[in-house]
Amino acid sequence: MHRVTFVAAARSSSLLAERFEDDRPLDQAGWEEVQRAAAGLVPLAAAELRYCSPTPRSRATGDALGYAPLVQLALRDCDMGRWRGFTLGEAMAREPEAVDAWLADPRSTPHGGECLLSFIARVGSWLDTRPADEGGTLVAVAEPSVVRAALVYALKAPPSTYWNIDVRPLSAITVTGRAGRWNLRFDGMFSQPTRA
């Protein structure tokens, strides 16, 4: 059985300014949040395997916590096509009907990128293909959207559940199990609440 703890990357902007497929590095507030949360998150560096998504802020968060994580392309954010770099508000202002369609249908790709269903399946496939050693502990630092996708997959929840999961920067959540059979595990809080 595996124990996989996902740690949401520290922020690179205020929550209201979050952008699709944001490649910006950690901002000053993000670095300060990592410092405050470190005491609770640094023990995860003892995990046998340590991974991160390819974004600058995920790599920097993992490095700052002493994980020395390996980049995993499968943990990249959802491909948002022509909306890459936009905030949700900016996409809505330019293409309101397309955004509505995308939010309503997990198979929709009005932006020309990846549909929500494919994104969830990609992250789930990564989870299911971790090395098969019994008792393995893993930590993965990833964008909040990737953590949300992993939770939807692990719980076998309907794709629309994705929109109802709020993953804050530097929050940690653990799933235990093996391919096709995952359980959500609550061990307590690892990090301090962050300010929006």
C-alpha atoms as a PDB file:
ATOM      1  CA  MET A   1       0.000   0.000   0.000  1.00  0.00           C
ATOM      2  CA  HIS A   2       1.226   3.492  -0.834  1.00  0.00           C
ATOM      3  CA  ARG A   3       0.917   6.652   1.178  1.00  0.00           C
ATOM      4  CA  VAL A   4       0.984   9.675  -1.137  1.00  0.00           C
ATOM      5  CA  THR A   5       0.912  13.149   0.386  1.00  0.00           C
ATOM      6  CA  PHE A   6       0.170  16.000  -1.973  1.00  0.00           C
ATOM      7  CA  VAL A   7       1.431  19.426  -0.916  1.00  0.00           C
ATOM      8  CA  ALA A   8      -0.055  22.392  -2.748  1.00  0.00           C
ATOM      9  CA  ALA A   9       2.624  24.757  -4.032  1.00  0.00           C
ATOM     10  CA  ALA A  10       3.070  28.110  -2.332  1.00  0.00           C
ATOM     11  CA  ARG A  11       1.563  31.011  -4.186  1.00  0.00           C
ATOM     12  CA  SER A  12       2.976  33.191  -6.892  1.00  0.00           C
ATOM     13  CA  SER A  13       0.191  35.783  -6.693  1.00  0.00           C
ATOM     14  CA  SER A  14      -2.889  36.653  -4.693  1.00  0.00           C
ATOM     15  CA  LEU A  15      -5.666  34.083  -5.064  1.00  0.00           C
ATOM     16  CA  LEU A  16      -7.723  36.558  -7.087  1.00  0.00           C
ATOM     17  CA  ALA A  17      -4.863  36.932  -9.566  1.00  0.00           C
ATOM     18  CA  GLU A  18      -4.306  33.169 -10.070  1.00  0.00           C
ATOM     19  CA  ARG A  19      -3.704  32.459 -13.725  1.00  0.00           C
ATOM     20  CA  PHE A  20      -4.261  29.338 -15.799  1.00  0.00           C
ATOM     21  CA  GLU A  21      -0.971  27.455 -16.209  1.00  0.00           C
ATOM     22  CA  ASP A  22       0.878  30.104 -14.227  1.00  0.00           C
ATOM     23  CA  ASP A  23       4.647  29.881 -14.786  1.00  0.00           C
ATOM     24  CA  ARG A  24       5.585  32.725 -12.454  1.00  0.00           C
ATOM     25  CA  PRO A  25       7.992  32.008  -9.570  1.00  0.00           C
ATOM     26  CA  LEU A  26       7.027  32.351  -5.931  1.00  0.00           C
ATOM     27  CA  ASP A  27       6.267  35.898  -4.876  1.00  0.00           C
ATOM     28  CA  GLN A  28       7.532  37.350  -1.591  1.00  0.00           C
ATOM     29  CA  ALA A  29       4.332  36.372   0.217  1.00  0.00           C
ATOM     30  CA  GLY A  30       4.765  32.821  -1.086  1.00  0.00           C
ATOM     31  CA  TRP A  31       8.317  32.597   0.274  1.00  0.00           C
ATOM     32  CA  GLU A  32       7.131  33.918   3.628  1.00  0.00           C
ATOM     33  CA  GLU A  33       4.314  31.341   3.709  1.00  0.00           C
ATOM     34  CA  VAL A  34       6.803  28.536   3.033  1.00  0.00           C
ATOM     35  CA  GLN A  35       8.908  29.754   5.974  1.00  0.00           C
ATOM     36  CA  ARG A  36       5.867  29.776   8.286  1.00  0.00           C
ATOM     37  CA  ALA A  37       4.651  26.334   7.147  1.00  0.00           C
ATOM     38  CA  ALA A  38       8.066  24.659   7.052  1.00  0.00           C
ATOM     39  CA  ALA A  39       7.951  23.168  10.554  1.00  0.00           C
ATOM     40  CA  GLY A  40       4.894  21.122   9.653  1.00  0.00           C
ATOM     41  CA  LEU A  41       5.920  20.219   6.104  1.00  0.00           C
ATOM     42  CA  VAL A  42       9.682  19.568   6.357  1.00  0.00           C
ATOM     43  CA  PRO A  43       9.158  16.118   7.974  1.00  0.00           C
ATOM     44  CA  LEU A  44       7.660  14.962   4.656  1.00  0.00           C
ATOM     45  CA  ALA A  45      11.203  15.124   3.220  1.00  0.00           C
ATOM     46  CA  ALA A  46      11.674  11.685   4.799  1.00  0.00           C
ATOM     47  CA  ALA A  47       9.372  10.194   2.136  1.00  0.00           C
ATOM     48  CA  GLU A  48      11.020   7.482   0.066  1.00  0.00           C
ATOM     49  CA  LEU A  49      10.064   9.238  -3.186  1.00  0.00           C
ATOM     50  CA  ARG A  50       9.647  12.999  -3.657  1.00  0.00           C
ATOM     51  CA  TYR A  51       8.098  14.569  -6.750  1.00  0.00           C
ATOM     52  CA  CYS A  52       6.853  17.916  -8.025  1.00  0.00           C
ATOM     53  CA  SER A  53       5.022  19.383 -10.972  1.00  0.00           C
ATOM     54  CA  PRO A  54       7.181  21.249 -13.511  1.00  0.00           C
ATOM     55  CA  THR A  55       6.043  24.763 -12.541  1.00  0.00           C
ATOM     56  CA  PRO A  56       8.622  27.134 -11.030  1.00  0.00           C
ATOM     57  CA  ARG A  57       6.587  27.601  -7.871  1.00  0.00           C
ATOM     58  CA  SER A  58       6.140  23.845  -7.303  1.00  0.00           C
ATOM     59  CA  ARG A  59       9.854  23.199  -7.768  1.00  0.00           C
ATOM     60  CA  ALA A  60      10.784  26.140  -5.535  1.00  0.00           C
ATOM     61  CA  THR A  61       8.334  25.029  -2.838  1.00  0.00           C
ATOM     62  CA  GLY A  62       9.739  21.491  -2.866  1.00  0.00           C
ATOM     63  CA  ASP A  63      13.323  22.729  -2.791  1.00  0.00           C
ATOM     64  CA  ALA A  64      12.619  25.211   0.025  1.00  0.00           C
ATOM     65  CA  LEU A  65      11.134  22.387   2.101  1.00  0.00           C
ATOM     66  CA  GLY A  66      14.207  20.195   1.526  1.00  0.00           C
ATOM     67  CA  TYR A  67      12.443  17.607  -0.645  1.00  0.00           C
ATOM     68  CA  ALA A  68      14.820  17.803  -3.650  1.00  0.00           C
ATOM     69  CA  PRO A  69      11.845  16.608  -5.750  1.00  0.00           C
ATOM     70  CA  LEU A  70      11.962  14.966  -9.166  1.00  0.00           C
ATOM     71  CA  VAL A  71       9.898  16.817 -11.796  1.00  0.00           C
ATOM     72  CA  GLN A  72       6.979  14.804 -13.157  1.00  0.00           C
ATOM     73  CA  LEU A  73       5.422  16.041 -16.394  1.00  0.00           C
ATOM     74  CA  ALA A  74       2.225  14.116 -15.622  1.00  0.00           C
ATOM     75  CA  LEU A  75       1.722  16.466 -12.650  1.00  0.00           C
ATOM     76  CA  ARG A  76       1.610  19.572 -14.843  1.00  0.00           C
ATOM     77  CA  ASP A  77      -1.410  21.837 -14.711  1.00  0.00           C
ATOM     78  CA  CYS A  78      -4.334  21.380 -17.092  1.00  0.00           C
ATOM     79  CA  ASP A  79      -3.498  22.512 -20.643  1.00  0.00           C
ATOM     80  CA  MET A  80      -5.638  25.628 -21.011  1.00  0.00           C
ATOM     81  CA  GLY A  81      -4.901  26.285 -24.677  1.00  0.00           C
ATOM     82  CA  ARG A  82      -5.465  29.900 -25.647  1.00  0.00           C
ATOM     83  CA  TRP A  83      -6.539  30.780 -22.089  1.00  0.00           C
ATOM     84  CA  ARG A  84      -3.041  30.054 -20.759  1.00  0.00           C
ATOM     85  CA  GLY A  85      -1.906  32.973 -18.617  1.00  0.00           C
ATOM     86  CA  PHE A  86      -5.454  34.355 -18.183  1.00  0.00           C
ATOM     87  CA  THR A  87      -7.313  34.666 -14.914  1.00  0.00           C
ATOM     88  CA  LEU A  88     -10.783  33.140 -14.881  1.00  0.00           C
ATOM     89  CA  GLY A  89     -12.214  36.680 -14.929  1.00  0.00           C
ATOM     90  CA  GLU A  90     -10.183  37.586 -18.022  1.00  0.00           C
ATOM     91  CA  ALA A  91     -11.312  34.455 -19.856  1.00  0.00           C
ATOM     92  CA  MET A  92     -14.920  35.164 -18.844  1.00  0.00           C
ATOM     93  CA  ALA A  93     -14.703  38.759 -20.088  1.00  0.00           C
ATOM     94  CA  ARG A  94     -13.434  37.611 -23.499  1.00  0.00           C
ATOM     95  CA  GLU A  95     -15.402  34.395 -24.023  1.00  0.00           C
ATOM     96  CA  PRO A  96     -18.280  34.129 -21.523  1.00  0.00           C
ATOM     97  CA  GLU A  97     -20.198  31.398 -23.391  1.00  0.00           C
ATOM     98  CA  ALA A  98     -17.045  29.323 -23.830  1.00  0.00           C
ATOM     99  CA  VAL A  99     -16.183  29.593 -20.118  1.00  0.00           C
ATOM    100  CA  ASP A 100     -19.743  28.601 -19.186  1.00  0.00           C
ATOM    101  CA  ALA A 101     -19.497  25.551 -21.467  1.00  0.00           C
ATOM    102  CA  TRP A 102     -16.132  24.589 -19.983  1.00  0.00           C
ATOM    103  CA  LEU A 103     -17.438  24.868 -16.411  1.00  0.00           C
ATOM    104  CA  ALA A 104     -20.581  22.850 -17.211  1.00  0.00           C
ATOM    105  CA  ASP A 105     -19.151  20.006 -19.308  1.00  0.00           C
ATOM    106  CA  PRO A 106     -16.017  18.081 -18.203  1.00  0.00           C
ATOM    107  CA  ARG A 107     -15.482  16.948 -21.827  1.00  0.00           C
ATOM    108  CA  SER A 108     -15.538  20.506 -23.189  1.00  0.00           C
ATOM    109  CA  THR A 109     -12.402  22.143 -24.627  1.00  0.00           C
ATOM    110  CA  PRO A 110     -13.504  25.580 -25.865  1.00  0.00           C
ATOM    111  CA  HIS A 111     -10.020  26.920 -25.086  1.00  0.00           C
ATOM    112  CA  GLY A 112      -8.420  24.409 -27.446  1.00  0.00           C
ATOM    113  CA  GLY A 113      -6.514  22.644 -24.675  1.00  0.00           C
ATOM    114  CA  GLU A 114      -7.206  19.691 -22.403  1.00  0.00           C
ATOM    115  CA  CYS A 115     -10.662  18.830 -21.087  1.00  0.00           C
ATOM    116  CA  LEU A 116     -11.207  18.447 -17.342  1.00  0.00           C
ATOM    117  CA  LEU A 117     -11.943  14.734 -17.718  1.00  0.00           C
ATOM    118  CA  SER A 118      -8.602  14.118 -19.471  1.00  0.00           C
ATOM    119  CA  PHE A 119      -6.764  16.208 -16.873  1.00  0.00           C
ATOM    120  CA  ILE A 120      -8.232  14.170 -13.996  1.00  0.00           C
ATOM    121  CA  ALA A 121      -7.433  10.908 -15.833  1.00  0.00           C
ATOM    122  CA  ARG A 122      -3.824  11.999 -16.487  1.00  0.00           C
ATOM    123  CA  VAL A 123      -3.197  12.840 -12.833  1.00  0.00           C
ATOM    124  CA  GLY A 124      -4.964   9.639 -11.762  1.00  0.00           C
ATOM    125  CA  SER A 125      -2.835   7.568 -14.114  1.00  0.00           C
ATOM    126  CA  TRP A 126       0.280   9.056 -12.530  1.00  0.00           C
ATOM    127  CA  LEU A 127      -1.062   8.118  -9.090  1.00  0.00           C
ATOM    128  CA  ASP A 128      -1.884   4.564 -10.199  1.00  0.00           C
ATOM    129  CA  THR A 129       1.541   3.951 -11.735  1.00  0.00           C
ATOM    130  CA  ARG A 130       3.707   4.694  -8.718  1.00  0.00           C
ATOM    131  CA  PRO A 131       6.302   1.984  -7.980  1.00  0.00           C
ATOM    132  CA  ALA A 132       4.667  -1.118  -6.571  1.00  0.00           C
ATOM    133  CA  ASP A 133       6.819  -1.524  -3.447  1.00  0.00           C
ATOM    134  CA  GLU A 134       4.666  -2.243  -0.409  1.00  0.00           C
ATOM    135  CA  GLY A 135       4.563   0.468   2.215  1.00  0.00           C
ATOM    136  CA  GLY A 136       6.031   3.194   0.016  1.00  0.00           C
ATOM    137  CA  THR A 137       5.714   6.800   1.163  1.00  0.00           C
ATOM    138  CA  LEU A 138       5.655   9.564  -1.412  1.00  0.00           C
ATOM    139  CA  VAL A 139       5.294  13.313  -1.392  1.00  0.00           C
ATOM    140  CA  ALA A 140       4.296  15.365  -4.427  1.00  0.00           C
ATOM    141  CA  VAL A 141       4.344  19.165  -4.573  1.00  0.00           C
ATOM    142  CA  ALA A 142       1.930  20.362  -7.222  1.00  0.00           C
ATOM    143  CA  GLU A 143      -0.373  23.142  -8.277  1.00  0.00           C
ATOM    144  CA  PRO A 144      -3.652  23.274  -6.314  1.00  0.00           C
ATOM    145  CA  SER A 145      -5.509  22.266  -9.503  1.00  0.00           C
ATOM    146  CA  VAL A 146      -3.446  19.059  -9.720  1.00  0.00           C
ATOM    147  CA  VAL A 147      -4.207  18.240  -6.076  1.00  0.00           C
ATOM    148  CA  ARG A 148      -7.916  18.764  -6.785  1.00  0.00           C
ATOM    149  CA  ALA A 149      -7.733  16.439  -9.802  1.00  0.00           C
ATOM    150  CA  ALA A 150      -5.948  13.774  -7.730  1.00  0.00           C
ATOM    151  CA  LEU A 151      -8.632  13.931  -5.054  1.00  0.00           C
ATOM    152  CA  VAL A 152     -11.472  13.618  -7.564  1.00  0.00           C
ATOM    153  CA  TYR A 153      -9.728  10.604  -9.079  1.00  0.00           C
ATOM    154  CA  ALA A 154      -8.867   8.947  -5.759  1.00  0.00           C
ATOM    155  CA  LEU A 155     -12.423   9.306  -4.475  1.00  0.00           C
ATOM    156  CA  LYS A 156     -13.958   8.202  -7.806  1.00  0.00           C
ATOM    157  CA  ALA A 157     -16.103  11.315  -7.533  1.00  0.00           C
ATOM    158  CA  PRO A 158     -18.010  12.838 -10.445  1.00  0.00           C
ATOM    159  CA  PRO A 159     -15.817  15.299 -12.402  1.00  0.00           C
ATOM    160  CA  SER A 160     -18.069  18.200 -11.332  1.00  0.00           C
ATOM    161  CA  THR A 161     -16.756  17.647  -7.778  1.00  0.00           C
ATOM    162  CA  TYR A 162     -13.517  19.261  -8.961  1.00  0.00           C
ATOM    163  CA  TRP A 163     -15.175  22.687  -8.725  1.00  0.00           C
ATOM    164  CA  ASN A 164     -16.164  22.070  -5.078  1.00  0.00           C
ATOM    165  CA  ILE A 165     -12.693  21.319  -3.706  1.00  0.00           C
ATOM    166  CA  ASP A 166     -10.767  24.284  -2.308  1.00  0.00           C
ATOM    167  CA  VAL A 167      -7.033  23.593  -2.092  1.00  0.00           C
ATOM    168  CA  ARG A 168      -5.124  26.387  -0.415  1.00  0.00           C
ATOM    169  CA  PRO A 169      -1.406  27.006  -0.969  1.00  0.00           C
ATOM    170  CA  LEU A 170       0.796  24.815   1.258  1.00  0.00           C
ATOM    171  CA  SER A 171      -2.072  22.609   2.344  1.00  0.00           C
ATOM    172  CA  ALA A 172      -1.314  18.892   2.485  1.00  0.00           C
ATOM    173  CA  ILE A 173      -3.628  15.953   1.873  1.00  0.00           C
ATOM    174  CA  THR A 174      -2.818  12.257   1.903  1.00  0.00           C
ATOM    175  CA  VAL A 175      -4.256   9.347  -0.032  1.00  0.00           C
ATOM    176  CA  THR A 176      -3.417   5.750   0.788  1.00  0.00           C
ATOM    177  CA  GLY A 177      -3.907   2.608  -1.250  1.00  0.00           C
ATOM    178  CA  ARG A 178      -2.868   1.274  -4.611  1.00  0.00           C
ATOM    179  CA  ALA A 179      -3.867   1.483  -8.257  1.00  0.00           C
ATOM    180  CA  GLY A 180      -7.638   1.709  -8.585  1.00  0.00           C
ATOM    181  CA  ARG A 181      -8.261   1.756  -4.844  1.00  0.00           C
ATOM    182  CA  TRP A 182      -7.434   4.933  -2.958  1.00  0.00           C
ATOM    183  CA  ASN A 183      -8.617   6.289   0.379  1.00  0.00           C
ATOM    184  CA  LEU A 184      -8.495   9.832   1.669  1.00  0.00           C
ATOM    185  CA  ARG A 185      -6.591  10.080   4.931  1.00  0.00           C
ATOM    186  CA  PHE A 186      -6.782  12.889   7.469  1.00  0.00           C
ATOM    187  CA  ASP A 187      -3.795  13.063   9.813  1.00  0.00           C
ATOM    188  CA  GLY A 188      -4.126  16.642  10.971  1.00  0.00           C
ATOM    189  CA  MET A 189      -2.925  19.958   9.678  1.00  0.00           C
ATOM    190  CA  PHE A 190       0.592  20.346   8.318  1.00  0.00           C
ATOM    191  CA  SER A 191       0.486  24.029   7.494  1.00  0.00           C
ATOM    192  CA  GLN A 192      -0.651  27.349   8.802  1.00  0.00           C
ATOM    193  CA  PRO A 193      -3.685  28.950   7.143  1.00  0.00           C
ATOM    194  CA  THR A 194      -2.665  31.377   4.412  1.00  0.00           C
ATOM    195  CA  ARG A 195      -3.992  34.816   3.667  1.00  0.00           C
ATOM    196  CA  ALA A 196      -5.681  35.437   0.330  1.00  0.00           C
END
